[in-house]
Structures are given as C-alpha cells and as structure tokens.
Amino acid sequence: MVTLPPHQSRLIEMVFPPQTNHYGTLFGGQALALMDKAAFVTASRYARRNIVTACSEKIDFHCPVKQGQLVDMLGTVISTGR
C-alpha cells in the first residue's frame, strides 16, 4: 500500500445503476459530488478543521464513465488561504 503525503488523498468508488442516466453513464451531478467528496477528505485531513466548498470555477467532462466502472480520484491541496 502506498502512503500519500498529508496534502493528498485517494478515493476509489464504483459507479452503480442509480448514479447513471438512460445511456448507462454517470450523471454529471454525481461526478461533481464524487469530486467534492475527494476534495473534502483531502482538505479535512490537511487542515484538521471544518471545511466547506467555497466555489468551483470550471469543470470539463472529457469522457463518459459507465456503470460498473471504478472512478479513481486523487485530491491534492495546491494552495491555502482565507
């Protein structure tokens, strides 16, 4: 098992049928929720405080994620501030 530094975390989730649309691919909102979950875990581990998502500027979806596939998310703290 690889140990990540405190400013990183990795989450792996499987895509289940309730998370998919009629094409059998992950809903965009579900993808955003998974990304936010990874960001929350990473920031919480790093700061050891209460954390909230303040904003997200732009998200581009490049390929569909199909039902039954694994989503591997790597969260990294790249800057901090108030």
N, C-alpha and C. Protein backbone atom coordinates (compact mmCIF):
# COMPACT_ATOMS: atom_id res chain seq x y z
N MET A 1 0.84 -1.18 0.00
CA MET A 1 0.00 0.00 0.00
C MET A 1 0.89 1.25 0.00
N VAL A 2 0.55 2.20 -0.83
CA VAL A 2 1.31 3.44 -0.94
C VAL A 2 0.76 4.46 0.04
N THR A 3 1.63 5.08 0.82
CA THR A 3 1.23 6.13 1.75
C THR A 3 1.37 7.47 1.05
N LEU A 4 0.28 8.23 1.04
CA LEU A 4 0.29 9.54 0.41
C LEU A 4 0.68 10.61 1.42
N PRO A 5 1.26 11.72 0.96
CA PRO A 5 1.57 12.82 1.87
C PRO A 5 0.29 13.45 2.41
N PRO A 6 0.38 14.22 3.52
CA PRO A 6 -0.82 14.79 4.15
C PRO A 6 -1.63 15.70 3.24
N HIS A 7 -1.03 16.25 2.19
CA HIS A 7 -1.78 17.15 1.32
C HIS A 7 -2.46 16.41 0.16
N GLN A 8 -2.45 15.07 0.20
CA GLN A 8 -3.11 14.29 -0.84
C GLN A 8 -3.96 13.17 -0.24
N SER A 9 -5.00 12.78 -0.98
CA SER A 9 -5.78 11.61 -0.61
C SER A 9 -6.33 10.98 -1.88
N ARG A 10 -6.61 9.70 -1.81
CA ARG A 10 -7.12 8.96 -2.96
C ARG A 10 -8.38 8.22 -2.54
N LEU A 11 -9.44 8.39 -3.35
CA LEU A 11 -10.69 7.68 -3.14
C LEU A 11 -11.03 6.91 -4.41
N ILE A 12 -11.54 5.71 -4.24
CA ILE A 12 -11.97 4.90 -5.38
C ILE A 12 -13.42 4.50 -5.13
N GLU A 13 -14.27 4.80 -6.10
CA GLU A 13 -15.70 4.50 -5.99
C GLU A 13 -16.16 3.76 -7.24
N MET A 14 -17.11 2.84 -7.08
CA MET A 14 -17.71 2.16 -8.21
C MET A 14 -18.99 2.89 -8.61
N VAL A 15 -19.27 2.92 -9.90
CA VAL A 15 -20.48 3.56 -10.41
C VAL A 15 -21.61 2.53 -10.44
N PHE A 16 -22.66 2.81 -9.68
CA PHE A 16 -23.81 1.91 -9.57
C PHE A 16 -24.99 2.44 -10.39
N PRO A 17 -25.95 1.58 -10.72
CA PRO A 17 -27.07 1.97 -11.58
C PRO A 17 -27.83 3.24 -11.15
N PRO A 18 -28.11 3.47 -9.86
CA PRO A 18 -28.83 4.70 -9.51
C PRO A 18 -28.05 5.99 -9.82
N GLN A 19 -26.76 5.88 -10.06
CA GLN A 19 -25.93 7.06 -10.36
C GLN A 19 -25.84 7.35 -11.85
N THR A 20 -26.53 6.54 -12.66
CA THR A 20 -26.38 6.67 -14.11
C THR A 20 -27.65 7.17 -14.79
N ASN A 21 -27.46 7.72 -15.98
CA ASN A 21 -28.58 8.19 -16.80
C ASN A 21 -29.07 7.08 -17.71
N HIS A 22 -29.95 7.41 -18.65
CA HIS A 22 -30.51 6.40 -19.55
C HIS A 22 -29.50 5.86 -20.56
N TYR A 23 -28.33 6.47 -20.66
CA TYR A 23 -27.26 5.95 -21.51
C TYR A 23 -26.35 4.97 -20.74
N GLY A 24 -26.60 4.83 -19.44
CA GLY A 24 -25.77 3.96 -18.62
C GLY A 24 -24.45 4.61 -18.22
N THR A 25 -24.41 5.96 -18.26
CA THR A 25 -23.20 6.68 -17.87
C THR A 25 -23.49 7.57 -16.66
N LEU A 26 -22.44 7.87 -15.93
CA LEU A 26 -22.54 8.64 -14.69
C LEU A 26 -23.15 10.02 -14.94
N PHE A 27 -24.16 10.38 -14.13
CA PHE A 27 -24.72 11.72 -14.17
C PHE A 27 -23.63 12.74 -13.85
N GLY A 28 -23.65 13.89 -14.51
CA GLY A 28 -22.68 14.95 -14.24
C GLY A 28 -22.72 15.40 -12.79
N GLY A 29 -23.91 15.52 -12.23
CA GLY A 29 -24.04 15.93 -10.83
C GLY A 29 -23.43 14.92 -9.88
N GLN A 30 -23.55 13.66 -10.22
CA GLN A 30 -22.93 12.61 -9.40
C GLN A 30 -21.41 12.69 -9.49
N ALA A 31 -20.90 12.99 -10.68
CA ALA A 31 -19.45 13.15 -10.86
C ALA A 31 -18.95 14.32 -10.03
N LEU A 32 -19.70 15.42 -10.03
CA LEU A 32 -19.32 16.58 -9.22
C LEU A 32 -19.35 16.24 -7.73
N ALA A 33 -20.34 15.46 -7.30
CA ALA A 33 -20.43 15.05 -5.90
C ALA A 33 -19.22 14.19 -5.50
N LEU A 34 -18.79 13.30 -6.38
CA LEU A 34 -17.62 12.47 -6.10
C LEU A 34 -16.36 13.34 -6.00
N MET A 35 -16.23 14.31 -6.91
CA MET A 35 -15.07 15.21 -6.86
C MET A 35 -15.08 16.03 -5.58
N ASP A 36 -16.25 16.51 -5.19
CA ASP A 36 -16.36 17.30 -3.96
C ASP A 36 -16.04 16.46 -2.74
N LYS A 37 -16.44 15.20 -2.76
CA LYS A 37 -16.12 14.29 -1.65
C LYS A 37 -14.61 14.11 -1.52
N ALA A 38 -13.92 13.91 -2.64
CA ALA A 38 -12.47 13.76 -2.63
C ALA A 38 -11.81 15.05 -2.13
N ALA A 39 -12.32 16.19 -2.58
CA ALA A 39 -11.77 17.47 -2.14
C ALA A 39 -11.97 17.68 -0.65
N PHE A 40 -13.15 17.32 -0.15
CA PHE A 40 -13.45 17.45 1.28
C PHE A 40 -12.52 16.59 2.13
N VAL A 41 -12.36 15.34 1.74
CA VAL A 41 -11.50 14.43 2.51
C VAL A 41 -10.06 14.96 2.53
N THR A 42 -9.58 15.39 1.37
CA THR A 42 -8.21 15.90 1.28
C THR A 42 -8.02 17.14 2.14
N ALA A 43 -8.91 18.12 1.99
CA ALA A 43 -8.79 19.37 2.74
C ALA A 43 -8.96 19.15 4.24
N SER A 44 -9.88 18.28 4.62
CA SER A 44 -10.11 17.99 6.04
C SER A 44 -8.90 17.33 6.68
N ARG A 45 -8.31 16.38 5.98
CA ARG A 45 -7.11 15.72 6.51
C ARG A 45 -5.96 16.71 6.64
N TYR A 46 -5.84 17.60 5.69
CA TYR A 46 -4.74 18.57 5.68
C TYR A 46 -4.92 19.62 6.78
N ALA A 47 -6.12 20.22 6.85
CA ALA A 47 -6.36 21.34 7.77
C ALA A 47 -6.71 20.90 9.19
N ARG A 48 -7.26 19.71 9.33
CA ARG A 48 -7.73 19.24 10.62
C ARG A 48 -8.74 20.21 11.24
N ARG A 49 -9.59 20.76 10.37
CA ARG A 49 -10.63 21.71 10.79
C ARG A 49 -11.88 21.48 9.96
N ASN A 50 -12.94 22.23 10.29
CA ASN A 50 -14.15 22.18 9.47
C ASN A 50 -13.87 22.81 8.11
N ILE A 51 -14.32 22.16 7.06
CA ILE A 51 -14.05 22.58 5.69
C ILE A 51 -15.36 22.64 4.91
N VAL A 52 -15.49 23.61 4.03
CA VAL A 52 -16.61 23.68 3.09
C VAL A 52 -16.09 23.99 1.70
N THR A 53 -16.86 23.65 0.69
CA THR A 53 -16.50 24.02 -0.67
C THR A 53 -16.98 25.44 -0.92
N ALA A 54 -16.06 26.33 -1.24
CA ALA A 54 -16.42 27.72 -1.47
C ALA A 54 -16.87 27.95 -2.91
N CYS A 55 -16.19 27.34 -3.86
CA CYS A 55 -16.59 27.50 -5.26
C CYS A 55 -15.84 26.50 -6.13
N SER A 56 -16.32 26.36 -7.33
CA SER A 56 -15.59 25.62 -8.36
C SER A 56 -15.76 26.43 -9.64
N GLU A 57 -14.67 26.67 -10.31
CA GLU A 57 -14.71 27.59 -11.44
C GLU A 57 -15.20 26.96 -12.73
N LYS A 58 -14.61 25.85 -13.11
CA LYS A 58 -14.97 25.25 -14.39
C LYS A 58 -14.69 23.76 -14.36
N ILE A 59 -15.63 23.00 -14.88
CA ILE A 59 -15.48 21.55 -14.98
C ILE A 59 -15.72 21.15 -16.43
N ASP A 60 -14.80 20.42 -17.01
CA ASP A 60 -14.96 19.87 -18.36
C ASP A 60 -14.99 18.36 -18.26
N PHE A 61 -16.02 17.74 -18.83
CA PHE A 61 -16.12 16.29 -18.86
C PHE A 61 -15.58 15.81 -20.20
N HIS A 62 -14.53 15.01 -20.16
CA HIS A 62 -13.87 14.58 -21.40
C HIS A 62 -14.33 13.24 -21.91
N CYS A 63 -14.76 12.35 -21.03
CA CYS A 63 -15.23 11.04 -21.47
C CYS A 63 -16.27 10.52 -20.48
N PRO A 64 -17.20 9.69 -20.96
CA PRO A 64 -18.22 9.16 -20.06
C PRO A 64 -17.66 8.08 -19.14
N VAL A 65 -18.26 7.97 -17.97
CA VAL A 65 -17.93 6.90 -17.03
C VAL A 65 -19.13 5.97 -17.02
N LYS A 66 -18.91 4.71 -17.36
CA LYS A 66 -20.00 3.76 -17.50
C LYS A 66 -20.30 3.04 -16.19
N GLN A 67 -21.54 2.58 -16.10
CA GLN A 67 -21.96 1.78 -14.95
C GLN A 67 -21.02 0.60 -14.77
N GLY A 68 -20.60 0.36 -13.52
CA GLY A 68 -19.71 -0.75 -13.22
C GLY A 68 -18.24 -0.39 -13.24
N GLN A 69 -17.91 0.78 -13.78
CA GLN A 69 -16.51 1.20 -13.79
C GLN A 69 -16.13 1.81 -12.45
N LEU A 70 -14.83 1.81 -12.18
CA LEU A 70 -14.31 2.45 -10.97
C LEU A 70 -13.86 3.86 -11.30
N VAL A 71 -14.13 4.78 -10.39
CA VAL A 71 -13.67 6.15 -10.50
C VAL A 71 -12.57 6.33 -9.47
N ASP A 72 -11.38 6.66 -9.93
CA ASP A 72 -10.22 6.84 -9.06
C ASP A 72 -9.95 8.34 -8.95
N MET A 73 -10.11 8.88 -7.74
CA MET A 73 -9.96 10.32 -7.53
C MET A 73 -8.75 10.60 -6.65
N LEU A 74 -7.90 11.48 -7.09
CA LEU A 74 -6.74 11.91 -6.32
C LEU A 74 -6.93 13.38 -5.98
N GLY A 75 -7.08 13.66 -4.69
CA GLY A 75 -7.21 15.05 -4.23
C GLY A 75 -5.86 15.57 -3.78
N THR A 76 -5.57 16.82 -4.16
CA THR A 76 -4.30 17.44 -3.78
C THR A 76 -4.55 18.88 -3.35
N VAL A 77 -4.02 19.28 -2.20
CA VAL A 77 -4.07 20.67 -1.76
C VAL A 77 -2.99 21.43 -2.54
N ILE A 78 -3.41 22.43 -3.32
CA ILE A 78 -2.43 23.19 -4.11
C ILE A 78 -2.21 24.59 -3.57
N SER A 79 -3.15 25.09 -2.77
CA SER A 79 -2.92 26.38 -2.11
C SER A 79 -3.88 26.49 -0.93
N THR A 80 -3.57 27.39 -0.02
CA THR A 80 -4.41 27.63 1.14
C THR A 80 -4.60 29.12 1.30
N GLY A 81 -5.64 29.52 2.01
CA GLY A 81 -5.90 30.94 2.23
C GLY A 81 -7.14 31.11 3.08
N ARG A 82 -7.57 32.34 3.22
CA ARG A 82 -8.77 32.65 4.00
C ARG A 82 -9.78 33.34 3.11
